Amino acid sequence: MLGRTAQNLYWLSRYVERAENMARLLEVGYRMSLTSRREGGSSEHLISMMQAAEVDEDFAKKDRPADVDTVAHFMMFDPTNPSSVYTCLQAARTNARTVRTAITSDMWETLNSAWLEFSQIRPRDVRGAKLLELLEWVKHLSHEFRGALLGTILRDDGFAFLQAGNFVERADNTARILDMKYYVLLPRAKMVGGDLDIQQWTLILRAASAHRSYRHVYHDRYKAHNIADFLILRPEMPRSLIYCARFIESQVETLAQFYGKKQVCDDAAQQLRAMVEGTTMDTIFAHGLHEFLTEFMARNNRVSDSLSESYNFY
């Protein structure tokens, strides 16, 4: 497979997953802002959400207030935001169109029709309950695309690039959702362990679609330690860091077998998986959750960079 084709498949999958993940982050920020109004306002949670997504500096350049409507527009519709849902869907469609012969018609039709539908939405109409409905629509689009991918495409090297892109992006997002708690609590250490703290941890669990599955594993009340453990170290949770790291490594190994040669990305993927497998929640909290997540995201980025280097994404 040509390096450019592999690149387009990899980033096609990443952009679809990123669109879903931006919707998840925005939902967390929005719901946190609602639950904390009695604590003195809601803008800090929206800013925290943008910090976790690393788009806060881009937003600051616009010199606009960080209210719900403005932030929602920036995260959903702003073409100058490299991680907005608009930008992600547009980039995914562009990549899909470039590799039309390497994907199935079901995959293309899902993306193309979604882009056309999204393009007809008037941003000024998306507020309150309408915003939450649109966030659900974005998540359902991602699920529909993934269903088309898993149900129709050949299990060849193209499939491995698509899956690697999906889970590199998913791992990054789970880490960012968890890291949002660091930014939220940064100015308010006294909140740790309080009712609002637990409410926010619960919202993070819901943002990862892990609310019901969490209750199957942990039968007691919501606890920050258990929620973090569930999203980091539980291998049966499909959005956990350990699940993603193991899956990424498996796809990188598949590519090595397909091409008959190990690459730099094999070592990077092994190191990412070993980092998560070689720790415990007590160790993570003792040394700092934020520090662990920052290191995880850096290593995850190295996997992506080394994939690009190994398979000539140029």
C-alpha atoms as a PDB file:
ATOM      1  CA  MET A   1       0.000   0.000   0.000  1.00  0.00           C
ATOM      2  CA  LEU A   2       1.250   3.490  -0.856  1.00  0.00           C
ATOM      3  CA  GLY A   3       2.244   5.632   2.108  1.00  0.00           C
ATOM      4  CA  ARG A   4      -0.208   8.349   1.099  1.00  0.00           C
ATOM      5  CA  THR A   5      -3.103   5.875   1.027  1.00  0.00           C
ATOM      6  CA  ALA A   6      -2.122   4.513   4.432  1.00  0.00           C
ATOM      7  CA  GLN A   7      -1.931   8.065   5.752  1.00  0.00           C
ATOM      8  CA  ASN A   8      -5.394   8.943   4.459  1.00  0.00           C
ATOM      9  CA  LEU A   9      -6.945   5.813   5.960  1.00  0.00           C
ATOM     10  CA  TYR A  10      -5.241   6.385   9.299  1.00  0.00           C
ATOM     11  CA  TRP A  11      -6.320  10.023   9.529  1.00  0.00           C
ATOM     12  CA  LEU A  12      -9.794   9.342   8.164  1.00  0.00           C
ATOM     13  CA  SER A  13     -10.394   7.088  11.142  1.00  0.00           C
ATOM     14  CA  ARG A  14      -8.759   9.516  13.571  1.00  0.00           C
ATOM     15  CA  TYR A  15     -10.900  12.431  12.411  1.00  0.00           C
ATOM     16  CA  VAL A  16     -14.159  10.500  12.765  1.00  0.00           C
ATOM     17  CA  GLU A  17     -13.163   9.415  16.261  1.00  0.00           C
ATOM     18  CA  ARG A  18     -12.023  12.954  17.093  1.00  0.00           C
ATOM     19  CA  ALA A  19     -15.370  14.424  16.053  1.00  0.00           C
ATOM     20  CA  GLU A  20     -17.071  12.051  18.491  1.00  0.00           C
ATOM     21  CA  ASN A  21     -14.528  12.820  21.178  1.00  0.00           C
ATOM     22  CA  MET A  22     -14.919  16.587  20.839  1.00  0.00           C
ATOM     23  CA  ALA A  23     -18.654  16.045  21.307  1.00  0.00           C
ATOM     24  CA  ARG A  24     -17.924  14.027  24.439  1.00  0.00           C
ATOM     25  CA  LEU A  25     -15.595  16.686  25.861  1.00  0.00           C
ATOM     26  CA  LEU A  26     -18.059  19.472  25.134  1.00  0.00           C
ATOM     27  CA  GLU A  27     -20.839  17.516  26.815  1.00  0.00           C
ATOM     28  CA  VAL A  28     -18.705  17.109  29.949  1.00  0.00           C
ATOM     29  CA  GLY A  29     -17.847  20.813  30.005  1.00  0.00           C
ATOM     30  CA  TYR A  30     -21.451  21.815  29.419  1.00  0.00           C
ATOM     31  CA  ARG A  31     -22.884  19.531  32.109  1.00  0.00           C
ATOM     32  CA  MET A  32     -20.180  20.490  34.607  1.00  0.00           C
ATOM     33  CA  SER A  33     -20.989  24.145  34.037  1.00  0.00           C
ATOM     34  CA  LEU A  34     -24.640  23.436  34.842  1.00  0.00           C
ATOM     35  CA  THR A  35     -23.881  21.545  38.056  1.00  0.00           C
ATOM     36  CA  SER A  36     -21.502  24.203  39.390  1.00  0.00           C
ATOM     37  CA  ARG A  37     -23.392  27.448  38.854  1.00  0.00           C
ATOM     38  CA  ARG A  38     -24.113  27.680  42.540  1.00  0.00           C
ATOM     39  CA  GLU A  39     -20.355  27.527  43.140  1.00  0.00           C
ATOM     40  CA  GLY A  40     -19.763  30.836  41.406  1.00  0.00           C
ATOM     41  CA  GLY A  41     -20.168  30.467  37.688  1.00  0.00           C
ATOM     42  CA  SER A  42     -19.739  28.085  34.795  1.00  0.00           C
ATOM     43  CA  SER A  43     -17.070  29.550  32.506  1.00  0.00           C
ATOM     44  CA  GLU A  44     -14.144  27.921  34.319  1.00  0.00           C
ATOM     45  CA  HIS A  45     -15.414  24.454  33.401  1.00  0.00           C
ATOM     46  CA  LEU A  46     -15.725  25.386  29.750  1.00  0.00           C
ATOM     47  CA  ILE A  47     -12.208  26.813  29.827  1.00  0.00           C
ATOM     48  CA  SER A  48     -10.989  23.635  31.543  1.00  0.00           C
ATOM     49  CA  MET A  49     -12.580  21.580  28.782  1.00  0.00           C
ATOM     50  CA  MET A  50     -10.759  23.626  26.123  1.00  0.00           C
ATOM     51  CA  GLN A  51      -7.492  23.299  28.047  1.00  0.00           C
ATOM     52  CA  ALA A  52      -7.910  19.533  28.097  1.00  0.00           C
ATOM     53  CA  ALA A  53      -8.531  19.612  24.328  1.00  0.00           C
ATOM     54  CA  GLU A  54      -5.543  21.977  23.872  1.00  0.00           C
ATOM     55  CA  VAL A  55      -7.596  24.547  21.982  1.00  0.00           C
ATOM     56  CA  ASP A  56      -7.790  27.173  24.750  1.00  0.00           C
ATOM     57  CA  GLU A  57      -5.089  29.349  23.170  1.00  0.00           C
ATOM     58  CA  ASP A  58      -6.905  29.344  19.827  1.00  0.00           C
ATOM     59  CA  PHE A  59     -10.095  30.387  21.606  1.00  0.00           C
ATOM     60  CA  ALA A  60      -8.313  33.131  23.568  1.00  0.00           C
ATOM     61  CA  LYS A  61      -7.161  34.741  20.308  1.00  0.00           C
ATOM     62  CA  LYS A  62     -10.785  35.412  19.433  1.00  0.00           C
ATOM     63  CA  ASP A  63     -11.145  37.670  22.494  1.00  0.00           C
ATOM     64  CA  ARG A  64     -14.673  36.491  23.266  1.00  0.00           C
ATOM     65  CA  PRO A  65     -16.348  35.581  26.573  1.00  0.00           C
ATOM     66  CA  ALA A  66     -16.218  31.898  27.511  1.00  0.00           C
ATOM     67  CA  ASP A  67     -19.968  31.443  27.805  1.00  0.00           C
ATOM     68  CA  VAL A  68     -21.816  28.299  26.777  1.00  0.00           C
ATOM     69  CA  ASP A  69     -23.029  29.535  23.387  1.00  0.00           C
ATOM     70  CA  THR A  70     -19.666  30.967  22.326  1.00  0.00           C
ATOM     71  CA  VAL A  71     -17.665  27.927  23.411  1.00  0.00           C
ATOM     72  CA  ALA A  72     -20.189  25.527  21.868  1.00  0.00           C
ATOM     73  CA  HIS A  73     -19.950  27.359  18.537  1.00  0.00           C
ATOM     74  CA  PHE A  74     -16.138  27.270  18.722  1.00  0.00           C
ATOM     75  CA  MET A  75     -16.057  23.539  19.467  1.00  0.00           C
ATOM     76  CA  MET A  76     -18.794  22.570  17.012  1.00  0.00           C
ATOM     77  CA  PHE A  77     -18.743  24.913  14.021  1.00  0.00           C
ATOM     78  CA  ASP A  78     -15.625  27.092  13.942  1.00  0.00           C
ATOM     79  CA  PRO A  79     -13.545  26.285  10.823  1.00  0.00           C
ATOM     80  CA  THR A  80     -10.489  27.981  12.378  1.00  0.00           C
ATOM     81  CA  ASN A  81     -10.521  25.509  15.280  1.00  0.00           C
ATOM     82  CA  PRO A  82      -8.433  22.522  14.085  1.00  0.00           C
ATOM     83  CA  SER A  83     -10.364  20.190  16.391  1.00  0.00           C
ATOM     84  CA  SER A  84     -13.920  21.447  15.923  1.00  0.00           C
ATOM     85  CA  VAL A  85     -16.531  18.925  14.834  1.00  0.00           C
ATOM     86  CA  TYR A  86     -16.892  20.898  11.583  1.00  0.00           C
ATOM     87  CA  THR A  87     -13.165  20.653  10.855  1.00  0.00           C
ATOM     88  CA  CYS A  88     -13.022  16.961  11.769  1.00  0.00           C
ATOM     89  CA  LEU A  89     -15.980  15.951   9.607  1.00  0.00           C
ATOM     90  CA  GLN A  90     -14.705  17.991   6.683  1.00  0.00           C
ATOM     91  CA  ALA A  91     -11.228  16.453   6.976  1.00  0.00           C
ATOM     92  CA  ALA A  92     -12.661  12.936   7.348  1.00  0.00           C
ATOM     93  CA  ARG A  93     -14.771  13.375   4.216  1.00  0.00           C
ATOM     94  CA  THR A  94     -11.802  14.770   2.271  1.00  0.00           C
ATOM     95  CA  ASN A  95      -9.627  11.827   3.275  1.00  0.00           C
ATOM     96  CA  ALA A  96     -12.416   9.380   2.440  1.00  0.00           C
ATOM     97  CA  ARG A  97     -12.922  10.921  -0.993  1.00  0.00           C
ATOM     98  CA  THR A  98      -9.184  10.626  -1.670  1.00  0.00           C
ATOM     99  CA  VAL A  99      -9.215   6.886  -0.920  1.00  0.00           C
ATOM    100  CA  ARG A 100     -12.653   6.001  -2.285  1.00  0.00           C
ATOM    101  CA  THR A 101     -11.287   2.799  -3.841  1.00  0.00           C
ATOM    102  CA  ALA A 102      -9.773   1.677  -0.510  1.00  0.00           C
ATOM    103  CA  ILE A 103     -12.981   1.958   1.527  1.00  0.00           C
ATOM    104  CA  THR A 104     -16.454   0.520   1.035  1.00  0.00           C
ATOM    105  CA  SER A 105     -19.468   2.344  -0.343  1.00  0.00           C
ATOM    106  CA  ASP A 106     -21.189   2.040   3.043  1.00  0.00           C
ATOM    107  CA  MET A 107     -18.325   3.878   4.735  1.00  0.00           C
ATOM    108  CA  TRP A 108     -18.307   6.624   2.114  1.00  0.00           C
ATOM    109  CA  GLU A 109     -22.075   7.095   2.100  1.00  0.00           C
ATOM    110  CA  THR A 110     -22.161   7.349   5.896  1.00  0.00           C
ATOM    111  CA  LEU A 111     -19.561  10.111   5.924  1.00  0.00           C
ATOM    112  CA  ASN A 112     -20.825  11.964   2.883  1.00  0.00           C
ATOM    113  CA  SER A 113     -24.453  12.067   3.994  1.00  0.00           C
ATOM    114  CA  ALA A 114     -23.410  13.093   7.515  1.00  0.00           C
ATOM    115  CA  TRP A 115     -21.324  15.959   6.157  1.00  0.00           C
ATOM    116  CA  LEU A 116     -24.162  17.182   3.960  1.00  0.00           C
ATOM    117  CA  GLU A 117     -26.591  17.035   6.889  1.00  0.00           C
ATOM    118  CA  PHE A 118     -24.193  18.789   9.267  1.00  0.00           C
ATOM    119  CA  SER A 119     -23.563  21.523   6.694  1.00  0.00           C
ATOM    120  CA  GLN A 120     -27.263  22.422   6.744  1.00  0.00           C
ATOM    121  CA  ILE A 121     -27.364  23.078  10.499  1.00  0.00           C
ATOM    122  CA  ARG A 122     -27.642  26.722  11.528  1.00  0.00           C
ATOM    123  CA  PRO A 123     -25.300  27.301  14.490  1.00  0.00           C
ATOM    124  CA  ARG A 124     -27.539  29.965  16.035  1.00  0.00           C
ATOM    125  CA  ASP A 125     -30.275  27.345  16.467  1.00  0.00           C
ATOM    126  CA  VAL A 126     -28.060  25.007  18.506  1.00  0.00           C
ATOM    127  CA  ARG A 127     -28.573  25.919  22.161  1.00  0.00           C
ATOM    128  CA  GLY A 128     -29.539  24.154  25.378  1.00  0.00           C
ATOM    129  CA  ALA A 129     -31.356  20.904  24.669  1.00  0.00           C
ATOM    130  CA  LYS A 130     -30.653  21.310  20.937  1.00  0.00           C
ATOM    131  CA  LEU A 131     -26.936  21.303  21.702  1.00  0.00           C
ATOM    132  CA  LEU A 132     -27.211  18.030  23.605  1.00  0.00           C
ATOM    133  CA  GLU A 133     -29.232  16.530  20.734  1.00  0.00           C
ATOM    134  CA  LEU A 134     -26.535  17.518  18.260  1.00  0.00           C
ATOM    135  CA  LEU A 135     -23.806  16.055  20.462  1.00  0.00           C
ATOM    136  CA  GLU A 136     -25.718  12.766  20.500  1.00  0.00           C
ATOM    137  CA  TRP A 137     -26.058  12.943  16.706  1.00  0.00           C
ATOM    138  CA  VAL A 138     -22.281  13.287  16.340  1.00  0.00           C
ATOM    139  CA  LYS A 139     -21.703  10.261  18.569  1.00  0.00           C
ATOM    140  CA  HIS A 140     -24.249   8.211  16.622  1.00  0.00           C
ATOM    141  CA  LEU A 141     -22.562   9.202  13.349  1.00  0.00           C
ATOM    142  CA  SER A 142     -19.255   7.872  14.642  1.00  0.00           C
ATOM    143  CA  HIS A 143     -20.918   4.637  15.733  1.00  0.00           C
ATOM    144  CA  GLU A 144     -22.594   4.260  12.336  1.00  0.00           C
ATOM    145  CA  PHE A 145     -19.304   4.768  10.520  1.00  0.00           C
ATOM    146  CA  ARG A 146     -17.571   2.276  12.781  1.00  0.00           C
ATOM    147  CA  GLY A 147     -20.337  -0.234  12.154  1.00  0.00           C
ATOM    148  CA  ALA A 148     -19.928   0.190   8.400  1.00  0.00           C
ATOM    149  CA  LEU A 149     -16.169  -0.222   8.756  1.00  0.00           C
ATOM    150  CA  LEU A 150     -16.340  -3.364  10.885  1.00  0.00           C
ATOM    151  CA  GLY A 151     -19.142  -4.899   8.855  1.00  0.00           C
ATOM    152  CA  THR A 152     -17.974  -4.342   5.291  1.00  0.00           C
ATOM    153  CA  ILE A 153     -14.227  -3.787   4.826  1.00  0.00           C
ATOM    154  CA  LEU A 154     -11.560  -6.390   4.062  1.00  0.00           C
ATOM    155  CA  ARG A 155      -9.266  -7.416   6.935  1.00  0.00           C
ATOM    156  CA  ASP A 156      -6.071  -6.305   5.215  1.00  0.00           C
ATOM    157  CA  ASP A 157      -3.396  -3.685   5.893  1.00  0.00           C
ATOM    158  CA  GLY A 158      -5.884  -0.893   5.193  1.00  0.00           C
ATOM    159  CA  PHE A 159      -8.096  -2.210   7.985  1.00  0.00           C
ATOM    160  CA  ALA A 160      -5.121  -2.199  10.371  1.00  0.00           C
ATOM    161  CA  PHE A 161      -4.320   1.443   9.551  1.00  0.00           C
ATOM    162  CA  LEU A 162      -7.959   2.412  10.097  1.00  0.00           C
ATOM    163  CA  GLN A 163      -8.124   0.600  13.422  1.00  0.00           C
ATOM    164  CA  ALA A 164      -4.791   1.976  14.594  1.00  0.00           C
ATOM    165  CA  GLY A 165      -5.988   5.507  13.860  1.00  0.00           C
ATOM    166  CA  ASN A 166      -9.256   4.892  15.684  1.00  0.00           C
ATOM    167  CA  PHE A 167      -7.615   3.689  18.885  1.00  0.00           C
ATOM    168  CA  VAL A 168      -4.706   6.141  18.932  1.00  0.00           C
ATOM    169  CA  GLU A 169      -7.326   8.900  18.865  1.00  0.00           C
ATOM    170  CA  ARG A 170      -9.539   7.147  21.413  1.00  0.00           C
ATOM    171  CA  ALA A 171      -6.650   6.671  23.832  1.00  0.00           C
ATOM    172  CA  ASP A 172      -5.811  10.356  23.531  1.00  0.00           C
ATOM    173  CA  ASN A 173      -9.396  11.339  24.231  1.00  0.00           C
ATOM    174  CA  THR A 174      -9.859   9.132  27.292  1.00  0.00           C
ATOM    175  CA  ALA A 175      -6.695  10.643  28.734  1.00  0.00           C
ATOM    176  CA  ARG A 176      -7.971  14.155  27.980  1.00  0.00           C
ATOM    177  CA  ILE A 177     -11.373  13.523  29.554  1.00  0.00           C
ATOM    178  CA  LEU A 178      -9.639  12.296  32.701  1.00  0.00           C
ATOM    179  CA  ASP A 179      -7.173  15.173  32.631  1.00  0.00           C
ATOM    180  CA  MET A 180     -10.042  17.633  32.551  1.00  0.00           C
ATOM    181  CA  LYS A 181     -10.530  16.891  36.253  1.00  0.00           C
ATOM    182  CA  TYR A 182      -7.038  18.256  36.877  1.00  0.00           C
ATOM    183  CA  TYR A 183      -7.853  21.556  35.174  1.00  0.00           C
ATOM    184  CA  VAL A 184     -11.230  21.818  36.898  1.00  0.00           C
ATOM    185  CA  LEU A 185      -9.801  21.228  40.365  1.00  0.00           C
ATOM    186  CA  LEU A 186      -6.586  23.202  39.860  1.00  0.00           C
ATOM    187  CA  PRO A 187      -7.936  26.421  41.404  1.00  0.00           C
ATOM    188  CA  ARG A 188     -10.020  24.626  44.033  1.00  0.00           C
ATOM    189  CA  ALA A 189      -8.082  21.926  45.850  1.00  0.00           C
ATOM    190  CA  LYS A 190     -10.563  22.079  48.733  1.00  0.00           C
ATOM    191  CA  MET A 191     -13.223  20.529  46.464  1.00  0.00           C
ATOM    192  CA  VAL A 192     -11.423  17.175  46.288  1.00  0.00           C
ATOM    193  CA  GLY A 193     -13.602  14.464  47.792  1.00  0.00           C
ATOM    194  CA  GLY A 194     -16.663  16.700  48.070  1.00  0.00           C
ATOM    195  CA  ASP A 195     -20.097  16.156  46.563  1.00  0.00           C
ATOM    196  CA  LEU A 196     -19.357  18.351  43.542  1.00  0.00           C
ATOM    197  CA  ASP A 197     -16.082  16.512  42.971  1.00  0.00           C
ATOM    198  CA  ILE A 198     -17.922  13.167  42.855  1.00  0.00           C
ATOM    199  CA  GLN A 199     -20.602  14.639  40.557  1.00  0.00           C
ATOM    200  CA  GLN A 200     -17.900  15.716  38.135  1.00  0.00           C
ATOM    201  CA  TRP A 201     -16.197  12.325  38.217  1.00  0.00           C
ATOM    202  CA  THR A 202     -19.578  10.763  37.461  1.00  0.00           C
ATOM    203  CA  LEU A 203     -20.046  13.072  34.470  1.00  0.00           C
ATOM    204  CA  ILE A 204     -16.651  12.014  33.159  1.00  0.00           C
ATOM    205  CA  LEU A 205     -17.752   8.394  33.461  1.00  0.00           C
ATOM    206  CA  ARG A 206     -20.915   9.170  31.501  1.00  0.00           C
ATOM    207  CA  ALA A 207     -18.899  11.021  28.846  1.00  0.00           C
ATOM    208  CA  ALA A 208     -16.986   7.819  28.190  1.00  0.00           C
ATOM    209  CA  SER A 209     -20.271   5.870  27.891  1.00  0.00           C
ATOM    210  CA  ALA A 210     -19.086   3.865  30.877  1.00  0.00           C
ATOM    211  CA  HIS A 211     -21.810   4.596  33.416  1.00  0.00           C
ATOM    212  CA  ARG A 212     -23.691   1.294  33.226  1.00  0.00           C
ATOM    213  CA  SER A 213     -20.632  -0.895  32.726  1.00  0.00           C
ATOM    214  CA  TYR A 214     -18.993   0.752  35.748  1.00  0.00           C
ATOM    215  CA  ARG A 215     -21.909  -0.355  37.923  1.00  0.00           C
ATOM    216  CA  HIS A 216     -21.457  -3.930  36.715  1.00  0.00           C
ATOM    217  CA  VAL A 217     -17.856  -3.917  37.931  1.00  0.00           C
ATOM    218  CA  TYR A 218     -18.140  -1.738  41.047  1.00  0.00           C
ATOM    219  CA  HIS A 219     -21.297  -2.228  43.070  1.00  0.00           C
ATOM    220  CA  ASP A 220     -20.575   0.484  45.640  1.00  0.00           C
ATOM    221  CA  ARG A 221     -21.046   4.245  45.299  1.00  0.00           C
ATOM    222  CA  TYR A 222     -19.057   6.318  42.843  1.00  0.00           C
ATOM    223  CA  LYS A 223     -15.489   6.872  43.971  1.00  0.00           C
ATOM    224  CA  ALA A 224     -12.801   8.860  42.181  1.00  0.00           C
ATOM    225  CA  HIS A 225     -10.242   6.067  42.654  1.00  0.00           C
ATOM    226  CA  ASN A 226     -12.537   3.437  41.125  1.00  0.00           C
ATOM    227  CA  ILE A 227     -13.643   5.654  38.236  1.00  0.00           C
ATOM    228  CA  ALA A 228     -10.044   6.456  37.325  1.00  0.00           C
ATOM    229  CA  ASP A 229      -9.139   2.770  37.662  1.00  0.00           C
ATOM    230  CA  PHE A 230     -12.017   1.822  35.359  1.00  0.00           C
ATOM    231  CA  LEU A 231     -10.949   4.273  32.640  1.00  0.00           C
ATOM    232  CA  ILE A 232      -7.234   3.545  32.919  1.00  0.00           C
ATOM    233  CA  LEU A 233      -6.510  -0.019  34.021  1.00  0.00           C
ATOM    234  CA  ARG A 234      -9.606  -2.152  33.373  1.00  0.00           C
ATOM    235  CA  PRO A 235      -8.857  -4.219  30.227  1.00  0.00           C
ATOM    236  CA  GLU A 236     -12.528  -5.126  29.682  1.00  0.00           C
ATOM    237  CA  MET A 237     -13.500  -1.459  29.260  1.00  0.00           C
ATOM    238  CA  PRO A 238     -13.159  -0.626  25.501  1.00  0.00           C
ATOM    239  CA  ARG A 239     -12.297   3.033  26.087  1.00  0.00           C
ATOM    240  CA  SER A 240      -9.796   2.432  28.894  1.00  0.00           C
ATOM    241  CA  LEU A 241      -6.164   3.362  28.365  1.00  0.00           C
ATOM    242  CA  ILE A 242      -4.957  -0.204  28.824  1.00  0.00           C
ATOM    243  CA  TYR A 243      -7.492  -1.576  26.323  1.00  0.00           C
ATOM    244  CA  CYS A 244      -6.535   1.064  23.756  1.00  0.00           C
ATOM    245  CA  ALA A 245      -2.795   0.553  24.292  1.00  0.00           C
ATOM    246  CA  ARG A 246      -3.091  -3.209  23.834  1.00  0.00           C
ATOM    247  CA  PHE A 247      -5.275  -2.803  20.758  1.00  0.00           C
ATOM    248  CA  ILE A 248      -2.873  -0.289  19.193  1.00  0.00           C
ATOM    249  CA  GLU A 249       0.006  -2.703  19.743  1.00  0.00           C
ATOM    250  CA  SER A 250      -1.986  -5.525  18.123  1.00  0.00           C
ATOM    251  CA  GLN A 251      -2.622  -3.438  14.990  1.00  0.00           C
ATOM    252  CA  VAL A 252       1.019  -2.400  14.756  1.00  0.00           C
ATOM    253  CA  GLU A 253       2.003  -6.078  15.053  1.00  0.00           C
ATOM    254  CA  THR A 254      -0.497  -6.934  12.309  1.00  0.00           C
ATOM    255  CA  LEU A 255       1.164  -4.406  10.010  1.00  0.00           C
ATOM    256  CA  ALA A 256       4.611  -5.821  10.809  1.00  0.00           C
ATOM    257  CA  GLN A 257       3.378  -9.317   9.926  1.00  0.00           C
ATOM    258  CA  PHE A 258       1.682  -8.073   6.760  1.00  0.00           C
ATOM    259  CA  TYR A 259       4.839  -6.357   5.483  1.00  0.00           C
ATOM    260  CA  GLY A 260       7.254  -8.900   6.956  1.00  0.00           C
ATOM    261  CA  LYS A 261       9.314  -6.387   8.920  1.00  0.00           C
ATOM    262  CA  LYS A 262       9.223  -4.740  12.326  1.00  0.00           C
ATOM    263  CA  GLN A 263       9.431  -0.961  12.425  1.00  0.00           C
ATOM    264  CA  VAL A 264      10.164   1.839  14.883  1.00  0.00           C
ATOM    265  CA  CYS A 265       6.456   2.038  15.695  1.00  0.00           C
ATOM    266  CA  ASP A 266       6.546  -1.508  17.106  1.00  0.00           C
ATOM    267  CA  ASP A 267       8.844  -0.382  19.919  1.00  0.00           C
ATOM    268  CA  ALA A 268       6.769   2.753  20.547  1.00  0.00           C
ATOM    269  CA  ALA A 269       3.553   0.722  20.798  1.00  0.00           C
ATOM    270  CA  GLN A 270       5.172  -1.795  23.147  1.00  0.00           C
ATOM    271  CA  GLN A 271       6.420   1.012  25.402  1.00  0.00           C
ATOM    272  CA  LEU A 272       2.957   2.583  25.535  1.00  0.00           C
ATOM    273  CA  ARG A 273       1.356  -0.706  26.544  1.00  0.00           C
ATOM    274  CA  ALA A 274       4.098  -1.480  29.082  1.00  0.00           C
ATOM    275  CA  MET A 275       3.653   1.929  30.705  1.00  0.00           C
ATOM    276  CA  VAL A 276       0.017   1.208  31.532  1.00  0.00           C
ATOM    277  CA  GLU A 277       0.464  -2.462  32.391  1.00  0.00           C
ATOM    278  CA  GLY A 278       3.345  -1.719  34.738  1.00  0.00           C
ATOM    279  CA  THR A 279       1.513   0.518  37.186  1.00  0.00           C
ATOM    280  CA  THR A 280      -1.325   0.609  39.701  1.00  0.00           C
ATOM    281  CA  MET A 281      -3.873   3.270  40.622  1.00  0.00           C
ATOM    282  CA  ASP A 282      -2.186   3.798  43.991  1.00  0.00           C
ATOM    283  CA  THR A 283       1.084   4.529  42.209  1.00  0.00           C
ATOM    284  CA  ILE A 284      -0.623   6.815  39.690  1.00  0.00           C
ATOM    285  CA  PHE A 285      -2.349   8.887  42.376  1.00  0.00           C
ATOM    286  CA  ALA A 286       0.811   8.976  44.514  1.00  0.00           C
ATOM    287  CA  HIS A 287       2.890  10.427  41.680  1.00  0.00           C
ATOM    288  CA  GLY A 288       0.078  12.530  40.182  1.00  0.00           C
ATOM    289  CA  LEU A 289      -2.778  11.652  37.839  1.00  0.00           C
ATOM    290  CA  HIS A 290      -2.067  14.687  35.646  1.00  0.00           C
ATOM    291  CA  GLU A 291       1.602  13.749  35.322  1.00  0.00           C
ATOM    292  CA  PHE A 292       0.725  10.170  34.373  1.00  0.00           C
ATOM    293  CA  LEU A 293      -1.806  11.281  31.765  1.00  0.00           C
ATOM    294  CA  THR A 294       0.599  13.842  30.303  1.00  0.00           C
ATOM    295  CA  GLU A 295       3.263  11.163  29.883  1.00  0.00           C
ATOM    296  CA  PHE A 296       0.729   8.740  28.407  1.00  0.00           C
ATOM    297  CA  MET A 297      -0.407  11.282  25.810  1.00  0.00           C
ATOM    298  CA  ALA A 298       3.211  12.039  24.896  1.00  0.00           C
ATOM    299  CA  ARG A 299       3.953   8.348  24.367  1.00  0.00           C
ATOM    300  CA  ASN A 300       0.727   7.895  22.418  1.00  0.00           C
ATOM    301  CA  ASN A 301       1.804  10.759  20.154  1.00  0.00           C
ATOM    302  CA  ARG A 302       5.142   9.017  19.659  1.00  0.00           C
ATOM    303  CA  VAL A 303       3.289   5.944  18.414  1.00  0.00           C
ATOM    304  CA  SER A 304       1.478   8.110  15.873  1.00  0.00           C
ATOM    305  CA  ASP A 305       4.662   9.878  14.782  1.00  0.00           C
ATOM    306  CA  SER A 306       6.549   6.600  14.451  1.00  0.00           C
ATOM    307  CA  LEU A 307       3.720   5.073  12.397  1.00  0.00           C
ATOM    308  CA  SER A 308       4.027   8.028  10.044  1.00  0.00           C
ATOM    309  CA  GLU A 309       7.788   7.546   9.850  1.00  0.00           C
ATOM    310  CA  SER A 310       7.647   3.770   9.472  1.00  0.00           C
ATOM    311  CA  TYR A 311       5.053   3.698   6.687  1.00  0.00           C
ATOM    312  CA  ASN A 312       5.943   6.898   4.841  1.00  0.00           C
ATOM    313  CA  PHE A 313       2.918   9.096   5.610  1.00  0.00           C
ATOM    314  CA  TYR A 314       4.194  11.845   3.317  1.00  0.00           C
END
